[in-house]
Amino acid sequence: MSAKSFIQQSLKLNNMEAIESDIPYIQKVLQAIRKAELTAVIPEDLNEEVPIVIVDPELIQYD
């Protein structure tokens, strides 16, 4: 199945009209989304590394 027919069929299944001139734009958007998904680096465990906190002593107020 070509990308063009896939886009047309997907739009039809969602009760949307497939405008012929919009299909190349939709295809570019889908390619950009796919590229972003492939290049996204998500750490396995966000809590594995303890964050470093630097506090300015002037900001600390004593009661």
C-alpha atoms as a PDB file:
ATOM      1  CA  MET A   1       0.000   0.000   0.000  1.00  0.00           C
ATOM      2  CA  SER A   2       1.428   3.359  -0.963  1.00  0.00           C
ATOM      3  CA  ALA A   3       1.607   6.253   1.465  1.00  0.00           C
ATOM      4  CA  LYS A   4      -0.952   8.169  -0.572  1.00  0.00           C
ATOM      5  CA  SER A   5      -3.524   5.388  -0.462  1.00  0.00           C
ATOM      6  CA  PHE A   6      -2.811   4.774   3.242  1.00  0.00           C
ATOM      7  CA  ILE A   7      -3.496   8.428   4.051  1.00  0.00           C
ATOM      8  CA  GLN A   8      -6.664   8.454   1.946  1.00  0.00           C
ATOM      9  CA  GLN A   9      -7.933   5.255   3.551  1.00  0.00           C
ATOM     10  CA  SER A  10      -7.120   6.483   7.074  1.00  0.00           C
ATOM     11  CA  LEU A  11      -8.954   9.744   6.485  1.00  0.00           C
ATOM     12  CA  LYS A  12     -11.925   7.880   5.014  1.00  0.00           C
ATOM     13  CA  LEU A  13     -12.099   5.568   8.056  1.00  0.00           C
ATOM     14  CA  ASN A  14     -12.264   8.659  10.286  1.00  0.00           C
ATOM     15  CA  ASN A  15     -15.062  10.209   8.198  1.00  0.00           C
ATOM     16  CA  MET A  16     -12.794  12.903   6.790  1.00  0.00           C
ATOM     17  CA  GLU A  17     -12.606  14.041   3.215  1.00  0.00           C
ATOM     18  CA  ALA A  18      -9.261  13.478   1.500  1.00  0.00           C
ATOM     19  CA  ILE A  19      -8.292  16.658  -0.330  1.00  0.00           C
ATOM     20  CA  GLU A  20      -5.824  15.682  -3.027  1.00  0.00           C
ATOM     21  CA  SER A  21      -3.609  18.749  -2.597  1.00  0.00           C
ATOM     22  CA  ASP A  22      -3.261  18.145   1.168  1.00  0.00           C
ATOM     23  CA  ILE A  23      -1.943  14.583   0.912  1.00  0.00           C
ATOM     24  CA  PRO A  24       1.737  15.524   0.326  1.00  0.00           C
ATOM     25  CA  TYR A  25       1.595  17.895   3.325  1.00  0.00           C
ATOM     26  CA  ILE A  26       0.020  15.200   5.517  1.00  0.00           C
ATOM     27  CA  GLN A  27       2.696  12.757   4.379  1.00  0.00           C
ATOM     28  CA  LYS A  28       5.484  15.204   5.357  1.00  0.00           C
ATOM     29  CA  VAL A  29       3.900  15.748   8.777  1.00  0.00           C
ATOM     30  CA  LEU A  30       3.666  11.990   9.367  1.00  0.00           C
ATOM     31  CA  GLN A  31       7.303  11.558   8.322  1.00  0.00           C
ATOM     32  CA  ALA A  32       8.380  14.323  10.721  1.00  0.00           C
ATOM     33  CA  ILE A  33       6.453  12.670  13.560  1.00  0.00           C
ATOM     34  CA  ARG A  34       8.022   9.304  12.792  1.00  0.00           C
ATOM     35  CA  LYS A  35      11.512  10.824  12.650  1.00  0.00           C
ATOM     36  CA  ALA A  36      10.955  12.558  15.995  1.00  0.00           C
ATOM     37  CA  GLU A  37       9.778   9.301  17.569  1.00  0.00           C
ATOM     38  CA  LEU A  38      12.858   7.443  16.345  1.00  0.00           C
ATOM     39  CA  THR A  39      15.329  10.077  17.524  1.00  0.00           C
ATOM     40  CA  ALA A  40      13.732  10.754  20.912  1.00  0.00           C
ATOM     41  CA  VAL A  41      15.983   9.552  23.720  1.00  0.00           C
ATOM     42  CA  ILE A  42      14.061   8.643  26.831  1.00  0.00           C
ATOM     43  CA  PRO A  43      16.117   7.658  29.866  1.00  0.00           C
ATOM     44  CA  GLU A  44      15.299   4.214  31.208  1.00  0.00           C
ATOM     45  CA  ASP A  45      14.931   5.363  34.795  1.00  0.00           C
ATOM     46  CA  LEU A  46      14.566   9.046  35.597  1.00  0.00           C
ATOM     47  CA  ASN A  47      15.024   8.435  39.325  1.00  0.00           C
ATOM     48  CA  GLU A  48      18.253   6.518  38.933  1.00  0.00           C
ATOM     49  CA  GLU A  49      20.460   9.615  39.137  1.00  0.00           C
ATOM     50  CA  VAL A  50      20.174  12.002  42.078  1.00  0.00           C
ATOM     51  CA  PRO A  51      19.796  15.621  40.921  1.00  0.00           C
ATOM     52  CA  ILE A  52      22.270  18.220  42.129  1.00  0.00           C
ATOM     53  CA  VAL A  53      20.709  21.210  43.872  1.00  0.00           C
ATOM     54  CA  ILE A  54      22.669  24.391  44.423  1.00  0.00           C
ATOM     55  CA  VAL A  55      21.101  26.825  46.861  1.00  0.00           C
ATOM     56  CA  ASP A  56      22.156  30.427  47.207  1.00  0.00           C
ATOM     57  CA  PRO A  57      22.704  31.066  50.957  1.00  0.00           C
ATOM     58  CA  GLU A  58      21.164  34.534  50.623  1.00  0.00           C
ATOM     59  CA  LEU A  59      17.849  32.977  49.602  1.00  0.00           C
ATOM     60  CA  ILE A  60      17.571  30.944  52.806  1.00  0.00           C
ATOM     61  CA  GLN A  61      15.694  32.810  55.531  1.00  0.00           C
ATOM     62  CA  TYR A  62      15.691  31.768  59.144  1.00  0.00           C
ATOM     63  CA  ASP A  63      12.599  32.184  61.300  1.00  0.00           C
END
